[in-house]
C-alpha atoms as a PDB file:
ATOM      1  CA  MET A   1      57.778 -47.602 -53.563  1.00  0.00           C
ATOM      2  CA  LEU A   2      58.550 -44.404 -55.486  1.00  0.00           C
ATOM      3  CA  ASP A   3      54.975 -44.185 -56.726  1.00  0.00           C
ATOM      4  CA  LYS A   4      53.654 -44.429 -53.138  1.00  0.00           C
ATOM      5  CA  LEU A   5      56.059 -41.703 -51.924  1.00  0.00           C
ATOM      6  CA  THR A   6      55.006 -39.432 -54.783  1.00  0.00           C
ATOM      7  CA  LYS A   7      51.324 -39.850 -53.861  1.00  0.00           C
ATOM      8  CA  ILE A   8      52.062 -38.972 -50.227  1.00  0.00           C
ATOM      9  CA  LEU A   9      53.996 -35.842 -51.147  1.00  0.00           C
ATOM     10  CA  VAL A  10      51.258 -34.712 -53.511  1.00  0.00           C
ATOM     11  CA  ALA A  11      48.639 -35.199 -50.782  1.00  0.00           C
ATOM     12  CA  VAL A  12      50.707 -33.196 -48.274  1.00  0.00           C
ATOM     13  CA  GLY A  13      51.253 -30.473 -50.839  1.00  0.00           C
ATOM     14  CA  VAL A  14      47.515 -30.146 -51.429  1.00  0.00           C
ATOM     15  CA  GLY A  15      47.001 -29.772 -47.721  1.00  0.00           C
ATOM     16  CA  VAL A  16      49.584 -27.000 -47.424  1.00  0.00           C
ATOM     17  CA  VAL A  17      48.054 -25.032 -50.271  1.00  0.00           C
ATOM     18  CA  VAL A  18      44.393 -25.319 -49.263  1.00  0.00           C
ATOM     19  CA  LEU A  19      44.567 -24.395 -45.544  1.00  0.00           C
ATOM     20  CA  PRO A  20      45.941 -20.843 -45.991  1.00  0.00           C
ATOM     21  CA  LEU A  21      43.252 -20.116 -48.581  1.00  0.00           C
ATOM     22  CA  ILE A  22      40.518 -21.002 -46.075  1.00  0.00           C
ATOM     23  CA  SER A  23      42.093 -18.803 -43.383  1.00  0.00           C
ATOM     24  CA  LEU A  24      42.493 -15.808 -45.687  1.00  0.00           C
ATOM     25  CA  ALA A  25      38.839 -16.022 -46.701  1.00  0.00           C
ATOM     26  CA  GLN A  26      37.758 -15.368 -43.046  1.00  0.00           C
ATOM     27  CA  ILE A  27      39.605 -12.033 -42.640  1.00  0.00           C
ATOM     28  CA  ASN A  28      37.216  -9.992 -44.803  1.00  0.00           C
ATOM     29  CA  VAL A  29      35.773  -7.523 -42.177  1.00  0.00           C
ATOM     30  CA  ASN A  30      33.488  -4.483 -42.670  1.00  0.00           C
ATOM     31  CA  VAL A  31      35.339  -2.041 -40.384  1.00  0.00           C
ATOM     32  CA  PRO A  32      32.671   0.743 -40.177  1.00  0.00           C
ATOM     33  CA  PHE A  33      29.976  -1.838 -39.411  1.00  0.00           C
ATOM     34  CA  ALA A  34      32.135  -3.424 -36.711  1.00  0.00           C
ATOM     35  CA  LEU A  35      32.896  -0.044 -35.130  1.00  0.00           C
ATOM     36  CA  SER A  36      29.214   0.847 -35.119  1.00  0.00           C
ATOM     37  CA  ASN A  37      28.487  -2.337 -33.188  1.00  0.00           C
ATOM     38  CA  GLU A  38      31.336  -1.651 -30.760  1.00  0.00           C
ATOM     39  CA  LEU A  39      30.161   1.891 -30.033  1.00  0.00           C
ATOM     40  CA  GLY A  40      28.624   1.966 -26.562  1.00  0.00           C
ATOM     41  CA  VAL A  41      25.587   4.221 -26.206  1.00  0.00           C
ATOM     42  CA  GLU A  42      24.432   4.866 -22.639  1.00  0.00           C
ATOM     43  CA  ILE A  43      20.973   6.433 -22.335  1.00  0.00           C
ATOM     44  CA  ILE A  44      19.962   7.912 -18.974  1.00  0.00           C
ATOM     45  CA  PRO A  45      17.291   7.126 -17.939  1.00  0.00           C
ATOM     46  CA  ASN A  46      16.985   3.743 -19.637  1.00  0.00           C
ATOM     47  CA  TYR A  47      13.357   4.360 -20.552  1.00  0.00           C
ATOM     48  CA  PRO A  48      12.741   8.120 -20.851  1.00  0.00           C
ATOM     49  CA  ARG A  49       9.388   9.492 -19.755  1.00  0.00           C
ATOM     50  CA  PRO A  50       7.577  12.250 -21.645  1.00  0.00           C
ATOM     51  CA  ASN A  51       9.140  15.717 -21.311  1.00  0.00           C
ATOM     52  CA  GLU A  52      11.998  14.310 -19.229  1.00  0.00           C
ATOM     53  CA  PRO A  53      15.686  15.259 -19.709  1.00  0.00           C
ATOM     54  CA  VAL A  54      17.645  12.555 -21.564  1.00  0.00           C
ATOM     55  CA  PHE A  55      21.439  12.188 -21.355  1.00  0.00           C
ATOM     56  CA  ILE A  56      23.460  10.178 -23.893  1.00  0.00           C
ATOM     57  CA  ASN A  57      27.084   9.149 -23.376  1.00  0.00           C
ATOM     58  CA  LEU A  58      29.382   7.418 -25.914  1.00  0.00           C
ATOM     59  CA  THR A  59      32.222   4.966 -25.319  1.00  0.00           C
ATOM     60  CA  LEU A  60      34.529   3.118 -27.713  1.00  0.00           C
ATOM     61  CA  TYR A  61      37.246   0.890 -26.269  1.00  0.00           C
ATOM     62  CA  THR A  62      39.022   0.081 -29.548  1.00  0.00           C
ATOM     63  CA  ASP A  63      39.813   3.701 -30.458  1.00  0.00           C
ATOM     64  CA  ASP A  64      39.993   7.230 -29.050  1.00  0.00           C
ATOM     65  CA  LEU A  65      36.743   9.184 -29.303  1.00  0.00           C
ATOM     66  CA  ASN A  66      38.273  12.299 -27.748  1.00  0.00           C
ATOM     67  CA  SER A  67      40.221  12.963 -30.958  1.00  0.00           C
ATOM     68  CA  ALA A  68      37.318  12.020 -33.240  1.00  0.00           C
ATOM     69  CA  ASP A  69      34.984  14.405 -35.075  1.00  0.00           C
ATOM     70  CA  ILE A  70      31.486  13.648 -33.771  1.00  0.00           C
ATOM     71  CA  GLY A  71      28.242  15.032 -35.157  1.00  0.00           C
ATOM     72  CA  TRP A  72      24.888  14.641 -33.408  1.00  0.00           C
ATOM     73  CA  TYR A  73      21.712  14.775 -35.499  1.00  0.00           C
ATOM     74  CA  LYS A  74      18.280  15.072 -33.915  1.00  0.00           C
ATOM     75  CA  ASN A  75      15.440  14.333 -36.319  1.00  0.00           C
ATOM     76  CA  ASP A  76      17.903  14.783 -39.221  1.00  0.00           C
ATOM     77  CA  LYS A  77      19.041  18.210 -37.977  1.00  0.00           C
ATOM     78  CA  LEU A  78      22.624  18.817 -36.823  1.00  0.00           C
ATOM     79  CA  VAL A  79      22.458  19.890 -33.175  1.00  0.00           C
ATOM     80  CA  LEU A  80      26.024  19.327 -31.931  1.00  0.00           C
ATOM     81  CA  ASN A  81      29.343  18.946 -33.718  1.00  0.00           C
ATOM     82  CA  GLY A  82      33.029  18.944 -32.803  1.00  0.00           C
ATOM     83  CA  LYS A  83      35.989  16.923 -31.579  1.00  0.00           C
ATOM     84  CA  GLY A  84      35.361  14.635 -28.630  1.00  0.00           C
ATOM     85  CA  LYS A  85      31.673  15.513 -28.308  1.00  0.00           C
ATOM     86  CA  VAL A  86      30.801  12.256 -26.565  1.00  0.00           C
ATOM     87  CA  ASN A  87      27.903  13.657 -24.526  1.00  0.00           C
ATOM     88  CA  TYR A  88      24.572  15.049 -25.656  1.00  0.00           C
ATOM     89  CA  SER A  89      21.361  15.876 -23.803  1.00  0.00           C
ATOM     90  CA  PHE A  90      17.876  16.925 -24.804  1.00  0.00           C
ATOM     91  CA  VAL A  91      14.322  16.888 -23.483  1.00  0.00           C
ATOM     92  CA  ALA A  92      12.077  14.053 -24.640  1.00  0.00           C
ATOM     93  CA  GLY A  93       8.837  14.896 -26.392  1.00  0.00           C
ATOM     94  CA  ASN A  94       5.274  14.132 -25.428  1.00  0.00           C
ATOM     95  CA  VAL A  95       3.869  10.616 -25.241  1.00  0.00           C
ATOM     96  CA  GLY A  96       4.242   8.983 -28.642  1.00  0.00           C
ATOM     97  CA  GLU A  97       6.424  11.793 -30.031  1.00  0.00           C
ATOM     98  CA  GLU A  98       9.410   9.984 -31.526  1.00  0.00           C
ATOM     99  CA  THR A  99      12.911  11.445 -31.533  1.00  0.00           C
ATOM    100  CA  LYS A 100      15.446  10.070 -34.004  1.00  0.00           C
ATOM    101  CA  ILE A 101      19.090  10.385 -32.947  1.00  0.00           C
ATOM    102  CA  GLU A 102      21.948   9.803 -35.416  1.00  0.00           C
ATOM    103  CA  ILE A 103      25.615   9.903 -34.401  1.00  0.00           C
ATOM    104  CA  ARG A 104      28.246  10.331 -37.146  1.00  0.00           C
ATOM    105  CA  ILE A 105      31.862   9.702 -36.143  1.00  0.00           C
ATOM    106  CA  LYS A 106      35.110  10.213 -38.038  1.00  0.00           C
ATOM    107  CA  LEU A 107      38.148   8.801 -36.253  1.00  0.00           C
ATOM    108  CA  LEU A 108      41.607  10.370 -36.428  1.00  0.00           C
ATOM    109  CA  SER A 109      42.646   7.501 -38.698  1.00  0.00           C
ATOM    110  CA  GLY A 110      40.068   8.667 -41.244  1.00  0.00           C
ATOM    111  CA  THR A 111      37.589   5.815 -40.702  1.00  0.00           C
ATOM    112  CA  SER A 112      33.976   6.993 -40.589  1.00  0.00           C
ATOM    113  CA  PHE A 113      30.903   5.239 -39.240  1.00  0.00           C
ATOM    114  CA  SER A 114      27.510   6.109 -37.804  1.00  0.00           C
ATOM    115  CA  LYS A 115      24.844   4.816 -35.468  1.00  0.00           C
ATOM    116  CA  SER A 116      21.191   5.783 -35.135  1.00  0.00           C
ATOM    117  CA  PHE A 117      18.212   4.918 -32.961  1.00  0.00           C
ATOM    118  CA  THR A 118      14.742   6.236 -32.135  1.00  0.00           C
ATOM    119  CA  LEU A 119      13.303   7.101 -28.718  1.00  0.00           C
ATOM    120  CA  ASN A 120       9.555   7.012 -28.127  1.00  0.00           C
ATOM    121  CA  PRO A 121       8.641   8.116 -24.595  1.00  0.00           C
ATOM    122  CA  ALA A 122       5.888   6.265 -22.748  1.00  0.00           C
ATOM    123  CA  SER A 123       4.500   6.845 -19.266  1.00  0.00           C
ATOM    124  CA  ILE A 124       3.083   4.806 -16.405  1.00  0.00           C
ATOM    125  CA  ASP A 125       1.111   6.151 -13.463  1.00  0.00           C
ATOM    126  CA  LEU A 126       0.918   3.958 -10.358  1.00  0.00           C
ATOM    127  CA  VAL A 127      -2.103   4.272  -8.088  1.00  0.00           C
ATOM    128  CA  TRP A 128      -2.375   2.401  -4.797  1.00  0.00           C
ATOM    129  CA  GLU A 129      -5.227   1.579  -2.475  1.00  0.00           C
ATOM    130  CA  ALA A 130      -4.954   0.244   1.071  1.00  0.00           C
ATOM    131  CA  ASN A 131      -7.546  -2.173   2.407  1.00  0.00           C
ATOM    132  CA  SER A 132      -7.681  -0.295   5.694  1.00  0.00           C
ATOM    133  CA  TYR A 133     -10.484   1.138   7.769  1.00  0.00           C
ATOM    134  CA  VAL A 134     -11.519   4.787   7.959  1.00  0.00           C
ATOM    135  CA  PRO A 135     -14.873   6.037   9.312  1.00  0.00           C
ATOM    136  CA  PRO A 136     -17.750   7.071   7.036  1.00  0.00           C
ATOM    137  CA  PHE A 137     -17.441  10.426   5.262  1.00  0.00           C
ATOM    138  CA  TYR A 138     -13.703  10.578   5.946  1.00  0.00           C
ATOM    139  CA  LYS A 139     -12.235  12.901   3.302  1.00  0.00           C
ATOM    140  CA  GLY A 140      -8.665  11.666   3.466  1.00  0.00           C
ATOM    141  CA  LYS A 141      -6.976   8.613   1.982  1.00  0.00           C
ATOM    142  CA  ALA A 142      -7.058   5.282   3.767  1.00  0.00           C
ATOM    143  CA  LEU A 143      -3.359   4.836   4.572  1.00  0.00           C
ATOM    144  CA  HIS A 144      -1.302   1.670   4.380  1.00  0.00           C
ATOM    145  CA  SER A 145      -0.601   0.156   7.801  1.00  0.00           C
ATOM    146  CA  ARG A 146       2.123  -2.320   8.681  1.00  0.00           C
ATOM    147  CA  GLN A 147       1.313  -5.806   7.368  1.00  0.00           C
ATOM    148  CA  GLY A 148      -1.648  -4.318   5.555  1.00  0.00           C
ATOM    149  CA  ASN A 149      -3.129  -5.340   2.210  1.00  0.00           C
ATOM    150  CA  LEU A 150      -2.217  -3.276  -0.837  1.00  0.00           C
ATOM    151  CA  LYS A 151      -3.644  -2.965  -4.318  1.00  0.00           C
ATOM    152  CA  ILE A 152      -1.461  -1.223  -6.922  1.00  0.00           C
ATOM    153  CA  VAL A 153      -2.787  -0.393 -10.368  1.00  0.00           C
ATOM    154  CA  ALA A 154      -0.550   0.523 -13.321  1.00  0.00           C
ATOM    155  CA  MET A 155      -2.034   3.020 -15.760  1.00  0.00           C
ATOM    156  CA  PRO A 156       0.255   3.007 -18.835  1.00  0.00           C
ATOM    157  CA  GLU A 157       0.144   5.351 -21.794  1.00  0.00           C
ATOM    158  CA  PHE A 158       1.822   3.877 -24.871  1.00  0.00           C
ATOM    159  CA  VAL A 159       1.326   5.595 -28.232  1.00  0.00           C
ATOM    160  CA  LYS A 160       2.686   4.512 -31.615  1.00  0.00           C
ATOM    161  CA  ASN A 161       1.870   6.331 -34.849  1.00  0.00           C
ATOM    162  CA  GLY A 162      -0.844   8.247 -33.037  1.00  0.00           C
ATOM    163  CA  LYS A 163      -2.590   5.110 -31.759  1.00  0.00           C
ATOM    164  CA  ARG A 164      -2.775   4.272 -28.066  1.00  0.00           C
ATOM    165  CA  THR A 165      -2.060   0.677 -27.103  1.00  0.00           C
ATOM    166  CA  ALA A 166      -4.762  -0.866 -24.925  1.00  0.00           C
ATOM    167  CA  PRO A 167      -3.485  -1.745 -21.402  1.00  0.00           C
ATOM    168  CA  GLU A 168      -4.615  -5.351 -21.778  1.00  0.00           C
ATOM    169  CA  ASN A 169      -2.264  -5.771 -24.764  1.00  0.00           C
ATOM    170  CA  LEU A 170       0.823  -4.897 -22.729  1.00  0.00           C
ATOM    171  CA  VAL A 171       3.098  -7.177 -20.712  1.00  0.00           C
ATOM    172  CA  TYR A 172       3.624  -6.325 -17.034  1.00  0.00           C
ATOM    173  CA  GLU A 173       6.543  -7.407 -14.863  1.00  0.00           C
ATOM    174  CA  TRP A 174       6.072  -6.549 -11.186  1.00  0.00           C
ATOM    175  CA  SER A 175       8.865  -6.722  -8.600  1.00  0.00           C
ATOM    176  CA  ASN A 176      10.121  -5.138  -5.396  1.00  0.00           C
ATOM    177  CA  GLY A 177      13.576  -4.508  -6.844  1.00  0.00           C
ATOM    178  CA  VAL A 178      14.832  -7.879  -5.616  1.00  0.00           C
ATOM    179  CA  ASP A 179      12.113 -10.477  -6.035  1.00  0.00           C
ATOM    180  CA  VAL A 180       9.738 -10.763  -8.981  1.00  0.00           C
ATOM    181  CA  TYR A 181       6.025 -11.353  -8.339  1.00  0.00           C
ATOM    182  CA  GLN A 182       6.035 -14.110 -10.935  1.00  0.00           C
ATOM    183  CA  SER A 183       2.451 -15.285 -10.450  1.00  0.00           C
ATOM    184  CA  GLN A 184       1.107 -11.773 -11.060  1.00  0.00           C
ATOM    185  CA  ASN A 185       3.155 -11.016 -14.186  1.00  0.00           C
ATOM    186  CA  GLY A 186       2.120 -11.342 -17.804  1.00  0.00           C
ATOM    187  CA  TYR A 187      -0.199  -9.980 -20.490  1.00  0.00           C
ATOM    188  CA  GLY A 188      -2.775  -7.520 -19.231  1.00  0.00           C
ATOM    189  CA  LYS A 189      -1.828  -7.950 -15.556  1.00  0.00           C
ATOM    190  CA  SER A 190      -1.940  -4.282 -14.651  1.00  0.00           C
ATOM    191  CA  VAL A 191      -2.974  -4.921 -11.016  1.00  0.00           C
ATOM    192  CA  LEU A 192      -0.724  -6.120  -8.194  1.00  0.00           C
ATOM    193  CA  ILE A 193      -2.100  -7.423  -4.870  1.00  0.00           C
ATOM    194  CA  LEU A 194       0.261  -7.938  -1.944  1.00  0.00           C
ATOM    195  CA  ASN A 195       0.608  -8.005   1.827  1.00  0.00           C
ATOM    196  CA  GLY A 196       2.903  -5.507   3.500  1.00  0.00           C
ATOM    197  CA  SER A 197       6.203  -6.575   5.041  1.00  0.00           C
ATOM    198  CA  ILE A 198       6.021  -8.351   8.371  1.00  0.00           C
ATOM    199  CA  LEU A 199       9.028  -6.222   9.386  1.00  0.00           C
ATOM    200  CA  GLY A 200       7.082  -3.061   8.757  1.00  0.00           C
ATOM    201  CA  GLN A 201       9.520  -1.880   6.091  1.00  0.00           C
ATOM    202  CA  THR A 202       8.734   0.462   3.218  1.00  0.00           C
ATOM    203  CA  ASP A 203       7.046  -1.390   0.377  1.00  0.00           C
ATOM    204  CA  LYS A 204       9.039  -0.778  -2.812  1.00  0.00           C
ATOM    205  CA  ILE A 205       7.118  -1.407  -6.008  1.00  0.00           C
ATOM    206  CA  GLU A 206       8.585  -1.573  -9.515  1.00  0.00           C
ATOM    207  CA  VAL A 207       6.844  -2.372 -12.767  1.00  0.00           C
ATOM    208  CA  LEU A 208       8.319  -2.821 -16.243  1.00  0.00           C
ATOM    209  CA  VAL A 209       5.730  -2.588 -19.017  1.00  0.00           C
ATOM    210  CA  THR A 210       6.438  -3.750 -22.564  1.00  0.00           C
ATOM    211  CA  ASP A 211       4.578  -3.347 -25.821  1.00  0.00           C
ATOM    212  CA  PRO A 212       5.847  -6.431 -27.704  1.00  0.00           C
ATOM    213  CA  VAL A 213       4.251  -5.390 -31.000  1.00  0.00           C
ATOM    214  CA  ASN A 214       5.662  -1.856 -31.223  1.00  0.00           C
ATOM    215  CA  ASN A 215       8.815  -2.588 -29.198  1.00  0.00           C
ATOM    216  CA  LEU A 216       8.128   0.088 -26.583  1.00  0.00           C
ATOM    217  CA  VAL A 217       9.179  -0.141 -22.925  1.00  0.00           C
ATOM    218  CA  ALA A 218       8.529   1.973 -19.836  1.00  0.00           C
ATOM    219  CA  GLU A 219       9.046   1.548 -16.111  1.00  0.00           C
ATOM    220  CA  ALA A 220       7.712   3.083 -12.925  1.00  0.00           C
ATOM    221  CA  PHE A 221       8.660   3.031  -9.245  1.00  0.00           C
ATOM    222  CA  LEU A 222       6.684   3.571  -6.074  1.00  0.00           C
ATOM    223  CA  ASP A 223       7.661   3.595  -2.390  1.00  0.00           C
ATOM    224  CA  ILE A 224       4.819   3.210   0.110  1.00  0.00           C
ATOM    225  CA  MET A 225       5.712   3.998   3.703  1.00  0.00           C
ATOM    226  CA  PRO A 226       3.533   2.108   6.209  1.00  0.00           C
ATOM    227  CA  VAL A 227       1.987   3.975   9.115  1.00  0.00           C
ATOM    228  CA  ASP A 228       0.975   2.977  12.605  1.00  0.00           C
ATOM    229  CA  PRO A 229      -2.755   2.465  13.135  1.00  0.00           C
ATOM    230  CA  GLU A 230      -4.540   5.042  15.269  1.00  0.00           C
ATOM    231  CA  ILE A 231      -7.567   5.239  17.534  1.00  0.00           C
ATOM    232  CA  VAL A 232      -9.794   8.290  17.374  1.00  0.00           C
ATOM    233  CA  PHE A 233     -12.676   8.806  19.812  1.00  0.00           C
ATOM    234  CA  TYR A 234     -16.031  10.284  18.761  1.00  0.00           C
ATOM    235  CA  GLN A 235     -19.162  10.975  20.738  1.00  0.00           C
ATOM    236  CA  ASN A 236     -22.373   9.106  19.950  1.00  0.00           C
ATOM    237  CA  ASP A 237     -25.093  11.636  20.581  1.00  0.00           C
ATOM    238  CA  PRO A 238     -28.586  10.280  21.370  1.00  0.00           C
ATOM    239  CA  TYR A 239     -30.121  12.788  18.955  1.00  0.00           C
ATOM    240  CA  TYR A 240     -27.509  13.244  16.223  1.00  0.00           C
ATOM    241  CA  GLY A 241     -25.794   9.856  16.240  1.00  0.00           C
ATOM    242  CA  HIS A 242     -22.050   9.572  15.739  1.00  0.00           C
ATOM    243  CA  ILE A 243     -20.542  13.050  15.487  1.00  0.00           C
ATOM    244  CA  PHE A 244     -17.601  12.500  13.123  1.00  0.00           C
ATOM    245  CA  ASP A 245     -17.083  16.241  12.607  1.00  0.00           C
ATOM    246  CA  THR A 246     -15.299  16.617  15.931  1.00  0.00           C
ATOM    247  CA  ALA A 247     -12.928  14.130  17.536  1.00  0.00           C
ATOM    248  CA  LEU A 248     -12.669  13.812  21.307  1.00  0.00           C
ATOM    249  CA  THR A 249      -9.083  14.505  22.324  1.00  0.00           C
ATOM    250  CA  GLY A 250      -7.256  15.313  25.544  1.00  0.00           C
ATOM    251  CA  SER A 251      -9.968  15.966  28.106  1.00  0.00           C
ATOM    252  CA  PHE A 252     -13.550  17.099  27.842  1.00  0.00           C
ATOM    253  CA  GLU A 253     -16.207  18.068  30.341  1.00  0.00           C
ATOM    254  CA  LEU A 254     -19.095  15.688  30.886  1.00  0.00           C
ATOM    255  CA  LYS A 255     -22.135  17.955  31.255  1.00  0.00           C
ATOM    256  CA  THR A 256     -24.792  15.246  31.158  1.00  0.00           C
ATOM    257  CA  GLY A 257     -25.281  12.125  33.226  1.00  0.00           C
ATOM    258  CA  GLU A 258     -23.454   9.858  30.785  1.00  0.00           C
ATOM    259  CA  VAL A 259     -21.573   9.766  27.516  1.00  0.00           C
ATOM    260  CA  GLN A 260     -21.362   7.114  24.814  1.00  0.00           C
ATOM    261  CA  ILE A 261     -17.990   6.965  23.067  1.00  0.00           C
ATOM    262  CA  LEU A 262     -17.177   5.335  19.730  1.00  0.00           C
ATOM    263  CA  ALA A 263     -13.623   4.186  19.015  1.00  0.00           C
ATOM    264  CA  ALA A 264     -12.737   4.476  15.308  1.00  0.00           C
ATOM    265  CA  PRO A 265      -9.796   2.216  14.311  1.00  0.00           C
ATOM    266  CA  TYR A 266      -8.009   4.280  11.681  1.00  0.00           C
ATOM    267  CA  PHE A 267      -5.843   2.339   9.187  1.00  0.00           C
ATOM    268  CA  PHE A 268      -6.313  -1.102  10.716  1.00  0.00           C
ATOM    269  CA  THR A 269      -6.729  -3.681   7.966  1.00  0.00           C
ATOM    270  CA  LYS A 270     -10.345  -4.543   7.290  1.00  0.00           C
ATOM    271  CA  GLU A 271     -10.844  -8.012   8.734  1.00  0.00           C
ATOM    272  CA  ARG A 272     -13.716 -10.357   9.321  1.00  0.00           C
ATOM    273  CA  GLU A 273     -15.663  -9.845  12.511  1.00  0.00           C
ATOM    274  CA  GLY A 274     -13.856 -10.714  15.718  1.00  0.00           C
ATOM    275  CA  LEU A 275     -10.243 -10.202  14.637  1.00  0.00           C
ATOM    276  CA  LEU A 276     -10.008  -6.725  16.172  1.00  0.00           C
ATOM    277  CA  LYS A 277      -9.507  -6.876  19.937  1.00  0.00           C
ATOM    278  CA  TYR A 278     -10.740  -3.983  22.149  1.00  0.00           C
ATOM    279  CA  GLU A 279      -9.603  -3.586  25.775  1.00  0.00           C
ATOM    280  CA  TRP A 280     -11.210  -0.664  27.613  1.00  0.00           C
ATOM    281  CA  ARG A 281      -9.909   0.558  30.949  1.00  0.00           C
ATOM    282  CA  LEU A 282     -11.269   3.123  33.384  1.00  0.00           C
ATOM    283  CA  ASN A 283      -8.615   4.676  35.587  1.00  0.00           C
ATOM    284  CA  GLY A 284      -6.345   1.742  34.795  1.00  0.00           C
ATOM    285  CA  THR A 285      -8.896  -0.967  35.645  1.00  0.00           C
ATOM    286  CA  LEU A 286     -10.002  -3.320  32.878  1.00  0.00           C
ATOM    287  CA  VAL A 287     -13.714  -3.014  32.049  1.00  0.00           C
ATOM    288  CA  SER A 288     -14.412  -6.642  31.217  1.00  0.00           C
ATOM    289  CA  ASN A 289     -17.984  -6.213  29.993  1.00  0.00           C
ATOM    290  CA  LEU A 290     -16.707  -3.928  27.190  1.00  0.00           C
ATOM    291  CA  TYR A 291     -14.293  -6.507  25.788  1.00  0.00           C
ATOM    292  CA  GLY A 292     -14.564  -6.546  21.997  1.00  0.00           C
ATOM    293  CA  SER A 293     -16.903  -3.553  21.849  1.00  0.00           C
ATOM    294  CA  ARG A 294     -16.243  -0.480  19.717  1.00  0.00           C
ATOM    295  CA  THR A 295     -18.508   1.650  21.888  1.00  0.00           C
ATOM    296  CA  ALA A 296     -18.477   2.353  25.603  1.00  0.00           C
ATOM    297  CA  ILE A 297     -20.877   4.166  27.915  1.00  0.00           C
ATOM    298  CA  PHE A 298     -19.482   5.997  30.935  1.00  0.00           C
ATOM    299  CA  LYS A 299     -21.650   7.570  33.628  1.00  0.00           C
ATOM    300  CA  LYS A 300     -20.897  10.494  35.883  1.00  0.00           C
ATOM    301  CA  PRO A 301     -20.211   9.378  39.467  1.00  0.00           C
ATOM    302  CA  GLU A 302     -22.848  10.575  41.927  1.00  0.00           C
ATOM    303  CA  ASN A 303     -21.950  13.312  44.367  1.00  0.00           C
ATOM    304  CA  GLN A 304     -18.380  13.516  43.070  1.00  0.00           C
ATOM    305  CA  THR A 305     -16.235  16.104  41.324  1.00  0.00           C
ATOM    306  CA  GLY A 306     -13.065  15.107  39.560  1.00  0.00           C
ATOM    307  CA  ARG A 307     -11.539  13.504  36.490  1.00  0.00           C
ATOM    308  CA  SER A 308     -11.483   9.979  35.095  1.00  0.00           C
ATOM    309  CA  VAL A 309      -9.214   8.552  32.418  1.00  0.00           C
ATOM    310  CA  ILE A 310     -10.584   6.246  29.747  1.00  0.00           C
ATOM    311  CA  SER A 311      -7.994   4.201  27.875  1.00  0.00           C
ATOM    312  CA  LEU A 312      -8.284   1.740  25.034  1.00  0.00           C
ATOM    313  CA  ARG A 313      -5.853  -0.750  23.562  1.00  0.00           C
ATOM    314  CA  MET A 314      -6.758  -2.153  20.170  1.00  0.00           C
ATOM    315  CA  GLU A 315      -5.024  -5.075  18.444  1.00  0.00           C
ATOM    316  CA  ASN A 316      -5.447  -6.935  15.203  1.00  0.00           C
ATOM    317  CA  ILE A 317      -5.186 -10.580  16.232  1.00  0.00           C
ATOM    318  CA  ASN A 318      -4.315 -11.594  12.673  1.00  0.00           C
ATOM    319  CA  ARG A 319      -1.506  -9.015  12.211  1.00  0.00           C
ATOM    320  CA  ILE A 320       0.836  -8.615  15.157  1.00  0.00           C
ATOM    321  CA  LEU A 321       2.208  -5.240  14.040  1.00  0.00           C
ATOM    322  CA  GLN A 322      -1.210  -3.586  14.017  1.00  0.00           C
ATOM    323  CA  GLN A 323      -1.961  -2.238  17.481  1.00  0.00           C
ATOM    324  CA  ALA A 324      -2.704   1.139  19.000  1.00  0.00           C
ATOM    325  CA  ASP A 325      -3.355   2.825  22.341  1.00  0.00           C
ATOM    326  CA  SER A 326      -5.275   5.973  23.155  1.00  0.00           C
ATOM    327  CA  ASN A 327      -6.442   7.850  26.257  1.00  0.00           C
ATOM    328  CA  LEU A 328      -9.243  10.286  26.946  1.00  0.00           C
ATOM    329  CA  GLY A 329      -9.875  12.364  30.062  1.00  0.00           C
ATOM    330  CA  ILE A 330     -13.379  13.067  31.331  1.00  0.00           C
ATOM    331  CA  MET A 331     -13.929  15.904  33.788  1.00  0.00           C
ATOM    332  CA  PHE A 332     -17.113  15.976  35.814  1.00  0.00           C
ATOM    333  CA  GLU A 333     -18.547  18.220  38.480  1.00  0.00           C
ATOM    334  CA  ASN A 334     -21.238  17.558  41.086  1.00  0.00           C
ATOM    335  CA  LYS A 335     -23.903  20.198  40.640  1.00  0.00           C
END
């Protein structure tokens, strides 16, 4: 019995001795390294663009930075030094021009640690194109109408060690700030195709572009405000054809026996034939034989002097938000 009790006590004694040794072995901590990891570095903006102001803010919840000596080094040169210097700002360089930032901190307790990182600015230009109608030789941009089709192209410029990364080697993540266009994201997908909001709201476009090889990131934002489609009238001259240089507005005098008018549907989405509905009216009365026609011929009434009003309502049958109305006065005199 005594031998058994001795064995039990010896076993318990071994347990008491070993456990504290294991616990003490886990308390070996590298304090400067831990503080460096705890140091919060906020960079505004998150992904600086070339030649853009950059703001850096420091936070440390386990100690007081306001009483600490803080030195800021930009490309190994001291640029700011003093107690509580937790903010620093500078202007980023050109595309591919790296800026190394090192922060050296000495706490009031005497503990010193540092943290460093490198910023390499990259840029993205976003270009958009609306699949909307404008007449030939129109010098302006085809604008985006409500419910219209949009094509957005990202044109990134990523440079590392003097070499530009090809756009097809970058990863693109497209979103509207809330939903991600998952099917159009991935390697080389620099083009986004979408339909405008059925509510006619502003189309918000965001793209995050990553260079996975060189660990570079940039982002770009674009707001596209939809417009209402318009109708513009032009005269179709028998000798000169459609005169797009001068639009017919307000009222004009009919000096010949008749006039042929072309209705140009500005910013309506380009659709297959038959989806644009034309309703012409003369003095409020529907002209049924002109239904669906972009052109209309109006003749001067015989032995009459006065004014007639031509009106047109145009609708896109496929897109309920795309519709427009326009009026044109014609003055005529019996001579």
